[in-house]
């Protein structure tokens, strides 16, 4: 089963591979003094058991915020958004599975560029991996009258 932390680490790894400094926790001014960085946060949205509890449908929203210490230019923020989008599309590799970002949107709020998308996927639960006891031999006695 894919964990939220695995998803967060996969998103961070793909952004890092594209050349971004990445954080997934609190950002301080001293961190921004060393240059711009991307802050990745997850917001679990839904979780529903299906297939008699053997699968789970999970959805979560991912926000990648591009932060700079100085007031960034619009052109710089547009470049950052395009770069992050290129790094995360067409899919995010999470533990050998490919998750496709959906409902992708970009925005700029308070001089911070945000790339936001949803990940919606099915996963096997622990109950699916349990082996149920198989039925033994069934004997039927039928009398004909």
N, C-alpha and C. Protein backbone atom coordinates (compact mmCIF):
# COMPACT_ATOMS: atom_id res chain seq x y z
N UNK A 1 0.85 -1.18 0.00
CA UNK A 1 0.00 0.00 0.00
C UNK A 1 0.89 1.24 0.00
N UNK A 2 0.56 2.21 -0.82
CA UNK A 2 1.33 3.45 -0.93
C UNK A 2 0.96 4.37 0.23
N UNK A 3 1.97 4.87 0.92
CA UNK A 3 1.72 5.78 2.04
C UNK A 3 1.81 7.24 1.57
N UNK A 4 1.24 8.14 2.35
CA UNK A 4 1.32 9.56 2.04
C UNK A 4 2.78 10.02 2.02
N UNK A 5 3.58 9.51 2.94
CA UNK A 5 4.99 9.88 2.97
C UNK A 5 5.73 9.43 1.72
N UNK A 6 5.39 8.26 1.18
CA UNK A 6 6.02 7.81 -0.06
C UNK A 6 5.66 8.75 -1.21
N UNK A 7 4.44 9.20 -1.26
CA UNK A 7 4.01 10.12 -2.30
C UNK A 7 4.76 11.44 -2.17
N UNK A 8 4.83 11.96 -0.96
CA UNK A 8 5.53 13.23 -0.73
C UNK A 8 7.00 13.11 -1.12
N UNK A 9 7.64 12.00 -0.75
CA UNK A 9 9.05 11.79 -1.09
C UNK A 9 9.25 11.68 -2.60
N UNK A 10 8.32 11.04 -3.29
CA UNK A 10 8.42 10.90 -4.74
C UNK A 10 8.29 12.25 -5.44
N UNK A 11 7.34 13.07 -5.00
CA UNK A 11 7.17 14.41 -5.58
C UNK A 11 8.43 15.23 -5.33
N UNK A 12 8.94 15.19 -4.11
CA UNK A 12 10.17 15.93 -3.78
C UNK A 12 11.35 15.45 -4.62
N UNK A 13 11.47 14.15 -4.81
CA UNK A 13 12.58 13.59 -5.58
C UNK A 13 12.53 14.05 -7.03
N UNK A 14 11.34 14.08 -7.63
CA UNK A 14 11.23 14.50 -9.02
C UNK A 14 11.52 16.00 -9.17
N UNK A 15 11.10 16.80 -8.21
CA UNK A 15 11.42 18.23 -8.26
C UNK A 15 12.92 18.45 -8.05
N UNK A 16 13.51 17.70 -7.14
CA UNK A 16 14.94 17.80 -6.88
C UNK A 16 15.74 17.41 -8.13
N UNK A 17 15.32 16.34 -8.80
CA UNK A 17 16.00 15.88 -10.01
C UNK A 17 15.92 16.94 -11.12
N UNK A 18 14.90 17.78 -11.08
CA UNK A 18 14.75 18.85 -12.07
C UNK A 18 15.53 20.10 -11.68
N UNK A 19 16.23 20.05 -10.55
CA UNK A 19 17.08 21.17 -10.15
C UNK A 19 16.52 22.09 -9.08
N UNK A 20 15.40 21.74 -8.48
CA UNK A 20 14.81 22.58 -7.44
C UNK A 20 15.33 22.19 -6.06
N UNK A 21 15.56 23.18 -5.23
CA UNK A 21 15.78 22.90 -3.81
C UNK A 21 14.39 22.65 -3.24
N UNK A 22 14.25 21.57 -2.47
CA UNK A 22 12.93 21.14 -2.04
C UNK A 22 12.89 20.99 -0.53
N UNK A 23 11.77 21.42 0.05
CA UNK A 23 11.48 21.22 1.47
C UNK A 23 10.08 20.63 1.58
N UNK A 24 9.88 19.86 2.64
CA UNK A 24 8.54 19.32 2.88
C UNK A 24 8.07 19.64 4.29
N UNK A 25 8.79 20.52 4.93
CA UNK A 25 8.42 20.96 6.27
C UNK A 25 8.51 22.48 6.31
N UNK A 26 8.49 23.03 7.49
CA UNK A 26 8.52 24.47 7.67
C UNK A 26 9.74 25.10 7.00
N UNK A 27 9.53 26.26 6.39
CA UNK A 27 10.60 27.00 5.74
C UNK A 27 10.91 28.25 6.56
N UNK A 28 12.20 28.47 6.81
CA UNK A 28 12.61 29.65 7.57
C UNK A 28 13.27 30.67 6.62
N UNK A 29 13.40 31.90 7.10
CA UNK A 29 14.04 32.95 6.30
C UNK A 29 15.49 32.59 5.98
N UNK A 30 16.17 31.93 6.91
CA UNK A 30 17.57 31.57 6.66
C UNK A 30 17.68 30.55 5.52
N UNK A 31 16.68 29.69 5.37
CA UNK A 31 16.68 28.75 4.25
C UNK A 31 16.51 29.49 2.93
N UNK A 32 15.63 30.49 2.92
CA UNK A 32 15.39 31.25 1.70
C UNK A 32 16.58 32.15 1.35
N UNK A 33 17.42 32.48 2.33
CA UNK A 33 18.59 33.31 2.07
C UNK A 33 19.55 32.60 1.12
N UNK A 34 19.50 31.28 1.10
CA UNK A 34 20.37 30.50 0.21
C UNK A 34 19.79 30.33 -1.19
N UNK A 35 18.63 30.87 -1.45
CA UNK A 35 18.02 30.78 -2.77
C UNK A 35 16.60 30.26 -2.70
N UNK A 36 15.96 30.32 -3.84
CA UNK A 36 14.55 29.90 -3.93
C UNK A 36 14.42 28.41 -3.68
N UNK A 37 13.23 28.01 -3.24
CA UNK A 37 12.97 26.58 -3.03
C UNK A 37 11.50 26.27 -3.22
N UNK A 38 11.24 24.98 -3.36
CA UNK A 38 9.86 24.49 -3.52
C UNK A 38 9.43 23.82 -2.22
N UNK A 39 8.28 24.20 -1.73
CA UNK A 39 7.71 23.60 -0.52
C UNK A 39 6.56 22.70 -0.94
N UNK A 40 6.66 21.41 -0.59
CA UNK A 40 5.65 20.42 -0.99
C UNK A 40 4.79 20.06 0.21
N UNK A 41 3.48 20.21 0.07
CA UNK A 41 2.55 19.82 1.13
C UNK A 41 1.43 18.95 0.53
N UNK A 42 0.96 18.00 1.33
CA UNK A 42 -0.13 17.11 0.93
C UNK A 42 -1.34 17.38 1.80
N UNK A 43 -2.50 17.25 1.21
CA UNK A 43 -3.76 17.35 1.94
C UNK A 43 -4.63 16.16 1.55
N UNK A 44 -4.68 15.13 2.41
CA UNK A 44 -5.55 13.99 2.10
C UNK A 44 -6.99 14.46 1.94
N UNK A 45 -7.64 14.02 0.86
CA UNK A 45 -8.99 14.49 0.56
C UNK A 45 -10.05 13.43 0.80
N UNK A 46 -9.79 12.19 0.38
CA UNK A 46 -10.81 11.15 0.51
C UNK A 46 -10.15 9.79 0.58
N UNK A 47 -10.86 8.88 1.23
CA UNK A 47 -10.40 7.50 1.36
C UNK A 47 -11.64 6.63 1.50
N UNK A 48 -11.81 5.69 0.58
CA UNK A 48 -13.01 4.87 0.58
C UNK A 48 -12.66 3.42 0.30
N UNK A 49 -13.15 2.52 1.16
CA UNK A 49 -12.94 1.10 0.94
C UNK A 49 -13.89 0.60 -0.13
N UNK A 50 -13.36 -0.21 -1.04
CA UNK A 50 -14.18 -0.80 -2.10
C UNK A 50 -13.78 -2.27 -2.24
N UNK A 51 -14.53 -3.00 -3.06
CA UNK A 51 -14.24 -4.41 -3.31
C UNK A 51 -14.19 -5.22 -2.00
N UNK A 52 -15.22 -5.06 -1.19
CA UNK A 52 -15.33 -5.78 0.09
C UNK A 52 -14.13 -5.54 0.99
N UNK A 53 -13.61 -4.35 0.98
CA UNK A 53 -12.49 -4.00 1.84
C UNK A 53 -11.13 -4.43 1.32
N UNK A 54 -11.07 -4.92 0.09
CA UNK A 54 -9.79 -5.38 -0.45
C UNK A 54 -9.03 -4.26 -1.17
N UNK A 55 -9.73 -3.22 -1.57
CA UNK A 55 -9.10 -2.08 -2.22
C UNK A 55 -9.54 -0.80 -1.52
N UNK A 56 -8.71 0.21 -1.70
CA UNK A 56 -9.05 1.52 -1.15
C UNK A 56 -8.87 2.55 -2.25
N UNK A 57 -9.87 3.41 -2.42
CA UNK A 57 -9.78 4.50 -3.36
C UNK A 57 -9.31 5.71 -2.57
N UNK A 58 -8.15 6.24 -2.93
CA UNK A 58 -7.58 7.37 -2.18
C UNK A 58 -7.43 8.58 -3.09
N UNK A 59 -7.66 9.74 -2.52
CA UNK A 59 -7.47 11.00 -3.25
C UNK A 59 -6.78 11.98 -2.32
N UNK A 60 -5.86 12.74 -2.88
CA UNK A 60 -5.19 13.76 -2.09
C UNK A 60 -4.79 14.91 -2.99
N UNK A 61 -4.67 16.08 -2.40
CA UNK A 61 -4.26 17.27 -3.12
C UNK A 61 -2.81 17.57 -2.76
N UNK A 62 -2.02 17.86 -3.78
CA UNK A 62 -0.60 18.19 -3.59
C UNK A 62 -0.42 19.65 -3.98
N UNK A 63 0.27 20.41 -3.13
CA UNK A 63 0.58 21.81 -3.42
C UNK A 63 2.09 21.97 -3.42
N UNK A 64 2.64 22.45 -4.53
CA UNK A 64 4.06 22.76 -4.64
C UNK A 64 4.17 24.29 -4.72
N UNK A 65 4.67 24.90 -3.66
CA UNK A 65 4.78 26.35 -3.60
C UNK A 65 6.23 26.76 -3.88
N UNK A 66 6.43 27.72 -4.77
CA UNK A 66 7.76 28.20 -5.13
C UNK A 66 8.01 29.48 -4.34
N UNK A 67 9.00 29.44 -3.46
CA UNK A 67 9.28 30.54 -2.54
C UNK A 67 10.63 31.16 -2.83
N UNK A 68 10.69 32.50 -2.74
CA UNK A 68 11.95 33.23 -2.88
C UNK A 68 12.04 34.24 -1.73
N UNK A 69 13.30 34.58 -1.35
CA UNK A 69 13.47 35.54 -0.26
C UNK A 69 13.18 36.96 -0.73
N UNK A 70 13.60 37.30 -1.94
CA UNK A 70 13.32 38.62 -2.49
C UNK A 70 11.98 38.56 -3.21
N UNK A 71 11.44 39.71 -3.49
CA UNK A 71 10.18 39.74 -4.24
C UNK A 71 10.46 39.20 -5.63
N UNK A 72 9.84 38.08 -5.98
CA UNK A 72 10.11 37.48 -7.29
C UNK A 72 9.41 38.24 -8.42
N UNK A 73 9.94 38.09 -9.60
CA UNK A 73 9.30 38.68 -10.77
C UNK A 73 8.23 37.72 -11.27
N UNK A 74 7.25 38.23 -11.96
CA UNK A 74 6.22 37.36 -12.55
C UNK A 74 6.86 36.38 -13.53
N UNK A 75 7.80 36.87 -14.32
CA UNK A 75 8.46 36.00 -15.31
C UNK A 75 9.18 34.84 -14.61
N UNK A 76 9.83 35.13 -13.49
CA UNK A 76 10.52 34.08 -12.73
C UNK A 76 9.55 33.06 -12.16
N UNK A 77 8.40 33.55 -11.69
CA UNK A 77 7.40 32.63 -11.14
C UNK A 77 6.78 31.78 -12.25
N UNK A 78 6.54 32.36 -13.42
CA UNK A 78 6.02 31.58 -14.55
C UNK A 78 7.00 30.48 -14.95
N UNK A 79 8.30 30.84 -15.00
CA UNK A 79 9.32 29.84 -15.33
C UNK A 79 9.35 28.71 -14.31
N UNK A 80 9.22 29.07 -13.02
CA UNK A 80 9.23 28.06 -11.96
C UNK A 80 8.02 27.13 -12.08
N UNK A 81 6.85 27.70 -12.36
CA UNK A 81 5.65 26.88 -12.51
C UNK A 81 5.79 25.92 -13.70
N UNK A 82 6.28 26.42 -14.82
CA UNK A 82 6.47 25.56 -15.99
C UNK A 82 7.48 24.45 -15.70
N UNK A 83 8.56 24.80 -15.00
CA UNK A 83 9.58 23.81 -14.67
C UNK A 83 9.06 22.73 -13.74
N UNK A 84 8.29 23.13 -12.72
CA UNK A 84 7.73 22.14 -11.80
C UNK A 84 6.72 21.26 -12.52
N UNK A 85 5.92 21.86 -13.40
CA UNK A 85 4.94 21.09 -14.16
C UNK A 85 5.63 20.06 -15.05
N UNK A 86 6.70 20.47 -15.73
CA UNK A 86 7.46 19.55 -16.57
C UNK A 86 8.07 18.41 -15.76
N UNK A 87 8.51 18.71 -14.54
CA UNK A 87 9.15 17.69 -13.69
C UNK A 87 8.15 16.64 -13.21
N UNK A 88 6.89 17.02 -13.07
CA UNK A 88 5.90 16.11 -12.48
C UNK A 88 4.94 15.48 -13.50
N UNK A 89 5.05 15.86 -14.76
CA UNK A 89 4.20 15.26 -15.77
C UNK A 89 5.04 14.45 -16.73
N UNK A 90 4.58 13.35 -17.26
CA UNK A 90 3.20 12.89 -17.28
C UNK A 90 2.80 12.13 -16.02
N UNK A 91 3.79 11.70 -15.19
CA UNK A 91 3.41 10.92 -14.01
C UNK A 91 4.46 11.06 -12.92
N UNK A 92 4.08 10.63 -11.74
CA UNK A 92 4.97 10.60 -10.58
C UNK A 92 5.21 9.14 -10.23
N UNK A 93 6.49 8.77 -10.16
CA UNK A 93 6.86 7.38 -9.89
C UNK A 93 6.90 7.17 -8.37
N UNK A 94 5.96 6.39 -7.87
CA UNK A 94 5.86 6.11 -6.43
C UNK A 94 5.98 4.61 -6.22
N UNK A 95 7.11 4.15 -5.77
CA UNK A 95 7.29 2.74 -5.46
C UNK A 95 7.00 1.83 -6.65
N UNK A 96 7.43 2.23 -7.84
CA UNK A 96 7.21 1.40 -9.01
C UNK A 96 5.87 1.60 -9.69
N UNK A 97 5.01 2.41 -9.12
CA UNK A 97 3.72 2.73 -9.74
C UNK A 97 3.77 4.15 -10.27
N UNK A 98 3.02 4.40 -11.30
CA UNK A 98 2.95 5.72 -11.91
C UNK A 98 1.61 6.35 -11.56
N UNK A 99 1.66 7.48 -10.86
CA UNK A 99 0.44 8.21 -10.51
C UNK A 99 0.39 9.47 -11.37
N UNK A 100 -0.74 9.67 -12.03
CA UNK A 100 -0.90 10.81 -12.94
C UNK A 100 -1.54 11.99 -12.23
N UNK A 101 -0.86 13.15 -12.24
CA UNK A 101 -1.48 14.35 -11.67
C UNK A 101 -2.74 14.72 -12.45
N UNK A 102 -3.81 15.02 -11.72
CA UNK A 102 -5.09 15.40 -12.33
C UNK A 102 -5.50 16.76 -11.79
N UNK A 103 -6.38 17.41 -12.52
CA UNK A 103 -6.90 18.73 -12.11
C UNK A 103 -5.77 19.69 -11.76
N UNK A 104 -4.77 19.77 -12.63
CA UNK A 104 -3.60 20.61 -12.39
C UNK A 104 -3.98 22.07 -12.54
N UNK A 105 -3.55 22.88 -11.57
CA UNK A 105 -3.80 24.32 -11.67
C UNK A 105 -2.58 25.08 -11.15
N UNK A 106 -2.42 26.27 -11.68
CA UNK A 106 -1.33 27.16 -11.26
C UNK A 106 -1.94 28.47 -10.78
N UNK A 107 -1.34 29.03 -9.75
CA UNK A 107 -1.81 30.33 -9.26
C UNK A 107 -0.64 31.07 -8.61
N UNK A 108 -0.81 32.35 -8.47
CA UNK A 108 0.17 33.18 -7.78
C UNK A 108 -0.60 33.96 -6.72
N UNK A 109 -0.22 33.73 -5.45
CA UNK A 109 -0.88 34.39 -4.33
C UNK A 109 0.18 34.93 -3.39
N UNK A 110 0.08 36.21 -3.06
CA UNK A 110 1.03 36.85 -2.13
C UNK A 110 2.47 36.60 -2.55
N UNK A 111 2.76 36.77 -3.82
CA UNK A 111 4.11 36.62 -4.38
C UNK A 111 4.67 35.20 -4.22
N UNK A 112 3.77 34.21 -4.12
CA UNK A 112 4.16 32.80 -4.06
C UNK A 112 3.44 32.07 -5.19
N UNK A 113 4.23 31.37 -6.02
CA UNK A 113 3.66 30.60 -7.12
C UNK A 113 3.27 29.22 -6.61
N UNK A 114 2.05 28.79 -6.92
CA UNK A 114 1.54 27.49 -6.47
C UNK A 114 1.19 26.62 -7.68
N UNK A 115 1.69 25.39 -7.66
CA UNK A 115 1.27 24.36 -8.60
C UNK A 115 0.50 23.35 -7.76
N UNK A 116 -0.78 23.19 -8.06
CA UNK A 116 -1.65 22.32 -7.26
C UNK A 116 -2.27 21.27 -8.17
N UNK A 117 -2.32 20.03 -7.67
CA UNK A 117 -2.94 18.96 -8.44
C UNK A 117 -3.48 17.90 -7.50
N UNK A 118 -4.30 17.01 -8.06
CA UNK A 118 -4.90 15.92 -7.31
C UNK A 118 -4.32 14.60 -7.78
N UNK A 119 -4.10 13.70 -6.84
CA UNK A 119 -3.75 12.31 -7.15
C UNK A 119 -4.90 11.45 -6.68
N UNK A 120 -5.49 10.69 -7.56
CA UNK A 120 -6.63 9.83 -7.27
C UNK A 120 -6.27 8.44 -7.76
N UNK A 121 -6.21 7.46 -6.84
CA UNK A 121 -5.76 6.13 -7.23
C UNK A 121 -6.37 5.06 -6.34
N UNK A 122 -6.30 3.82 -6.83
CA UNK A 122 -6.74 2.66 -6.07
C UNK A 122 -5.51 1.92 -5.57
N UNK A 123 -5.63 1.35 -4.40
CA UNK A 123 -4.53 0.60 -3.81
C UNK A 123 -5.10 -0.61 -3.08
N UNK A 124 -4.31 -1.65 -2.98
CA UNK A 124 -4.73 -2.83 -2.23
C UNK A 124 -4.59 -2.58 -0.75
N UNK A 125 -5.52 -3.07 0.03
CA UNK A 125 -5.43 -2.96 1.48
C UNK A 125 -4.70 -4.18 2.04
N UNK A 126 -4.40 -4.15 3.31
CA UNK A 126 -3.77 -5.30 3.95
C UNK A 126 -4.70 -6.51 3.93
N UNK A 127 -6.01 -6.27 3.94
CA UNK A 127 -6.98 -7.37 3.93
C UNK A 127 -6.89 -8.15 2.61
N UNK A 128 -6.50 -7.48 1.53
CA UNK A 128 -6.41 -8.15 0.24
C UNK A 128 -5.27 -9.15 0.20
N UNK A 129 -4.24 -8.91 1.01
CA UNK A 129 -3.08 -9.80 0.98
C UNK A 129 -3.25 -11.01 1.90
N UNK A 130 -4.25 -10.97 2.78
CA UNK A 130 -4.48 -12.11 3.67
C UNK A 130 -5.08 -13.27 2.89
N UNK A 131 -4.59 -14.44 3.14
CA UNK A 131 -5.10 -15.64 2.48
C UNK A 131 -6.27 -16.17 3.30
N UNK A 132 -7.40 -16.25 2.66
CA UNK A 132 -8.57 -16.79 3.34
C UNK A 132 -8.48 -18.31 3.37
N UNK A 133 -9.03 -18.90 4.42
CA UNK A 133 -9.04 -20.35 4.52
C UNK A 133 -9.96 -20.91 3.45
N UNK A 134 -9.43 -21.86 2.70
CA UNK A 134 -10.22 -22.44 1.62
C UNK A 134 -11.20 -23.46 2.18
N UNK A 135 -12.31 -23.57 1.49
CA UNK A 135 -13.33 -24.51 1.90
C UNK A 135 -12.83 -25.93 1.69
N UNK A 136 -13.17 -26.81 2.59
CA UNK A 136 -12.78 -28.22 2.48
C UNK A 136 -13.66 -28.94 1.46
N UNK A 137 -13.62 -30.22 1.50
CA UNK A 137 -14.40 -31.04 0.57
C UNK A 137 -15.86 -31.00 0.99
N UNK A 138 -16.70 -30.80 0.03
CA UNK A 138 -18.13 -30.75 0.27
C UNK A 138 -18.73 -32.07 -0.18
N UNK A 139 -19.35 -32.75 0.74
CA UNK A 139 -19.99 -34.03 0.41
C UNK A 139 -21.50 -33.82 0.41
N UNK A 140 -22.12 -34.35 -0.62
CA UNK A 140 -23.58 -34.23 -0.72
C UNK A 140 -24.17 -35.63 -0.81
N UNK A 141 -25.16 -35.87 -0.03
CA UNK A 141 -25.91 -37.14 -0.08
C UNK A 141 -27.31 -36.80 -0.55
N UNK A 142 -27.65 -37.36 -1.66
CA UNK A 142 -28.96 -37.07 -2.20
C UNK A 142 -29.68 -38.40 -2.41
N UNK A 143 -30.84 -38.49 -1.83
CA UNK A 143 -31.64 -39.71 -2.00
C UNK A 143 -32.69 -39.47 -3.07
N UNK A 144 -32.83 -40.41 -3.92
CA UNK A 144 -33.83 -40.31 -4.98
C UNK A 144 -35.08 -41.06 -4.51
N UNK A 145 -36.25 -40.50 -4.58
CA UNK A 145 -37.49 -41.13 -4.15
C UNK A 145 -38.38 -41.40 -5.30
